[in-house]
Amino acid sequence: MRKTLAIALMLTASLGLAACGKKSEDKAQDAAKHSEQAQEKMSEAQDKVNEAAKENAEAAKAQTESNEAATKEAAPEAPKN
């Protein structure tokens, strides 16, 4: 009877541990999936930041050119001799 009881307890403990292990694996897979999604979002955000910086640089260049053109137009021309 002791052997039967010991085997039953070992079988129950093994099944209990096996059932708990599945949840940990699922949580690890979910964490990996969320981590991958977060990395993709960070990459997209960085791309948008880079695009915005490029647009700002282009706008600054256009503003400089506009200011130079306005300065040339506003300056009186020297008389020709």
Protein backbone atom coordinates (compact mmCIF):
# COMPACT_ATOMS: atom_id res chain seq x y z
CA MET A 1 0.00 0.00 0.00
CA ARG A 2 2.87 2.38 0.74
CA LYS A 3 4.31 1.83 -2.74
CA THR A 4 0.96 2.55 -4.36
CA LEU A 5 0.52 5.69 -2.32
CA ALA A 6 4.08 6.86 -3.08
CA ILE A 7 3.62 6.25 -6.80
CA ALA A 8 0.28 8.07 -6.79
CA LEU A 9 1.83 11.06 -4.99
CA MET A 10 4.78 11.16 -7.40
CA LEU A 11 2.44 10.95 -10.40
CA THR A 12 0.28 13.75 -9.01
CA ALA A 13 3.31 15.94 -8.29
CA SER A 14 4.72 15.31 -11.79
CA LEU A 15 1.42 16.21 -13.45
CA GLY A 16 1.15 19.32 -11.31
CA LEU A 17 4.62 20.48 -12.29
CA ALA A 18 3.98 19.74 -15.95
CA ALA A 19 0.80 21.80 -15.89
CA CYS A 20 2.59 24.76 -14.30
CA GLY A 21 5.42 24.65 -16.81
CA LYS A 22 3.07 25.28 -19.71
CA LYS A 23 1.95 28.63 -18.32
CA SER A 24 5.53 29.80 -17.90
CA GLU A 25 6.28 28.94 -21.51
CA ASP A 26 3.19 30.81 -22.66
CA LYS A 27 4.17 33.85 -20.62
CA ALA A 28 7.70 33.74 -22.02
CA GLN A 29 6.34 33.56 -25.58
CA ASP A 30 3.96 36.45 -24.90
CA ALA A 31 6.78 38.50 -23.41
CA ALA A 32 8.98 37.82 -26.44
CA LYS A 33 6.14 38.79 -28.78
CA HIS A 34 5.50 42.03 -26.89
CA SER A 35 9.19 42.80 -26.84
CA GLU A 36 9.38 42.33 -30.61
CA GLN A 37 6.35 44.57 -31.13
CA ALA A 38 7.87 47.23 -28.89
CA GLN A 39 11.11 47.07 -30.85
CA GLU A 40 9.20 47.52 -34.12
CA LYS A 41 7.33 50.52 -32.70
CA MET A 42 10.59 52.06 -31.50
CA SER A 43 12.09 51.57 -34.96
CA GLU A 44 9.07 53.23 -36.58
CA ALA A 45 9.28 56.13 -34.13
CA GLN A 46 12.98 56.57 -34.85
CA ASP A 47 12.25 56.61 -38.60
CA LYS A 48 9.66 59.34 -38.06
CA VAL A 49 12.11 61.36 -35.96
CA ASN A 50 14.72 61.05 -38.71
CA GLU A 51 12.20 62.14 -41.35
CA ALA A 52 11.18 65.15 -39.25
CA ALA A 53 14.81 66.16 -38.77
CA LYS A 54 15.41 65.90 -42.51
CA GLU A 55 12.33 68.02 -43.24
CA ASN A 56 13.47 70.62 -40.68
CA ALA A 57 16.89 70.79 -42.31
CA GLU A 58 15.29 71.27 -45.73
CA ALA A 59 12.98 73.96 -44.35
CA ALA A 60 15.91 75.78 -42.76
CA LYS A 61 17.80 75.67 -46.06
CA ALA A 62 14.77 77.01 -47.93
CA GLN A 63 14.35 79.77 -45.32
CA THR A 64 18.00 80.76 -45.71
CA GLU A 65 17.66 80.92 -49.48
CA SER A 66 14.49 82.98 -49.14
CA ASN A 67 16.20 85.40 -46.75
CA GLU A 68 19.13 85.79 -49.13
CA ALA A 69 16.80 86.50 -52.05
CA ALA A 70 14.87 89.05 -49.98
CA THR A 71 18.10 90.76 -48.96
CA LYS A 72 19.21 91.03 -52.60
CA GLU A 73 15.86 92.50 -53.62
CA ALA A 74 15.84 95.02 -50.77
CA ALA A 75 19.39 96.25 -51.33
CA PRO A 76 19.60 99.29 -53.58
CA GLU A 77 21.52 98.73 -56.75
CA ALA A 78 24.74 100.66 -57.19
CA PRO A 79 24.62 103.23 -59.96
CA LYS A 80 26.40 102.19 -63.13
CA ASN A 81 29.08 104.52 -64.45
